[in-house]
Protein backbone atom coordinates (compact mmCIF):
# COMPACT_ATOMS: atom_id res chain seq x y z
CA GLN A 1 -5.13 -16.68 -2.29
CA ASN A 2 -5.07 -13.01 -3.22
CA LEU A 3 -5.25 -11.95 0.44
CA LEU A 4 -2.38 -14.25 1.37
CA ALA A 5 -0.33 -12.98 -1.57
CA LEU A 6 -1.16 -9.39 -0.58
CA GLN A 7 0.02 -10.04 2.95
CA ALA A 8 3.25 -11.63 1.69
CA GLU A 9 3.93 -8.70 -0.64
CA CYS A 10 3.40 -6.23 2.22
CA ALA A 11 5.95 -8.14 4.27
CA GLU A 12 8.38 -8.07 1.32
CA LEU A 13 7.88 -4.30 0.98
CA LEU A 14 8.89 -3.82 4.62
CA GLU A 15 12.24 -5.44 3.87
CA TRP A 16 13.12 -2.51 1.59
CA LEU A 17 11.99 0.34 3.85
CA PRO A 18 13.65 1.86 6.95
CA TRP A 19 10.61 1.35 9.18
CA LYS A 20 12.17 0.17 12.44
CA ASP A 21 12.19 3.08 14.89
CA TRP A 22 14.66 1.24 17.15
CA LYS A 23 17.26 0.83 14.39
CA GLU A 24 19.65 3.48 13.13
CA TYR A 25 19.69 3.82 9.38
CA SER A 26 22.34 5.60 7.38
CA PRO A 27 21.35 8.93 5.78
CA ASN A 28 21.33 7.14 2.43
CA ASP A 29 18.65 4.64 3.50
CA PRO A 30 16.67 3.76 1.60
CA ASN A 31 19.20 3.88 -1.22
CA GLU A 32 18.22 4.09 -4.89
CA SER A 33 18.29 0.32 -5.32
CA ALA A 34 16.08 -0.20 -2.27
CA VAL A 35 13.64 2.44 -3.51
CA LEU A 36 13.34 0.66 -6.86
CA GLU A 37 12.76 -2.67 -5.13
CA ALA A 38 10.15 -1.10 -2.84
CA GLN A 39 8.40 0.36 -5.88
CA MET A 40 8.26 -3.09 -7.48
CA GLU A 41 6.80 -4.57 -4.30
CA LEU A 42 4.22 -1.79 -4.27
CA ILE A 43 3.20 -2.73 -7.82
CA ASP A 44 2.84 -6.36 -6.73
CA ILE A 45 0.62 -5.17 -3.86
CA GLN A 46 -1.50 -3.14 -6.27
CA HIS A 47 -1.84 -6.20 -8.52
CA PHE A 48 -3.40 -8.25 -5.74
CA VAL A 49 -5.61 -5.38 -4.53
CA VAL A 50 -6.98 -5.04 -8.07
CA ASN A 51 -7.53 -8.81 -8.26
CA ILE A 52 -9.57 -8.65 -5.07
CA GLY A 53 -11.55 -5.70 -6.44
CA ILE A 54 -12.31 -7.63 -9.63
CA HIS A 55 -13.44 -10.60 -7.54
CA LEU A 56 -15.81 -8.23 -5.71
CA GLY A 57 -17.21 -6.96 -9.01
CA MET A 58 -15.51 -3.58 -8.97
CA THR A 59 -14.95 -1.76 -12.23
CA PRO A 60 -12.14 0.80 -12.51
CA GLU A 61 -14.77 3.54 -12.21
CA LEU A 62 -16.34 2.00 -9.11
CA PHE A 63 -12.90 1.50 -7.59
CA PHE A 64 -12.09 5.20 -8.10
CA GLU A 65 -15.49 6.43 -6.89
CA THR A 66 -15.29 4.26 -3.78
CA PHE A 67 -11.72 5.41 -3.12
CA MET A 68 -12.73 9.07 -3.37
CA ARG A 69 -15.78 8.55 -1.14
CA LYS A 70 -13.63 6.81 1.48
CA GLN A 71 -11.02 9.58 1.30
CA GLU A 72 -13.72 12.15 1.98
CA GLU A 73 -14.92 10.11 4.97
CA ASN A 74 -11.36 9.85 6.29
CA ARG A 75 -10.83 13.62 5.97
CA ASP A 76 -14.12 14.25 7.78
CA ARG A 77 -13.02 11.91 10.57
CA GLN A 78 -9.69 13.72 10.90
CA ASN A 79 -11.47 17.06 11.08
CA ARG A 80 -13.68 15.69 13.87
CA GLY A 81 -10.62 14.45 15.78
CA TYR A 82 -11.44 10.79 15.16
């Protein structure tokens, strides 16, 4: 359920962002209202990510440590041209 909700929230976030490269957006896009809505969708996304982490037995500390370890791996990959 959390994965389905996460997917739905990601789709809702897209509705508030100017992500279509084939569409012309006005210079004011995203406007202040759209930014606030996108921020709320992002919080909903975070809610379901945390739920999944809890289901997997992750503590806040483990979540942070794993995030930092993965970030280091991603930076190393970028440096290697991955």
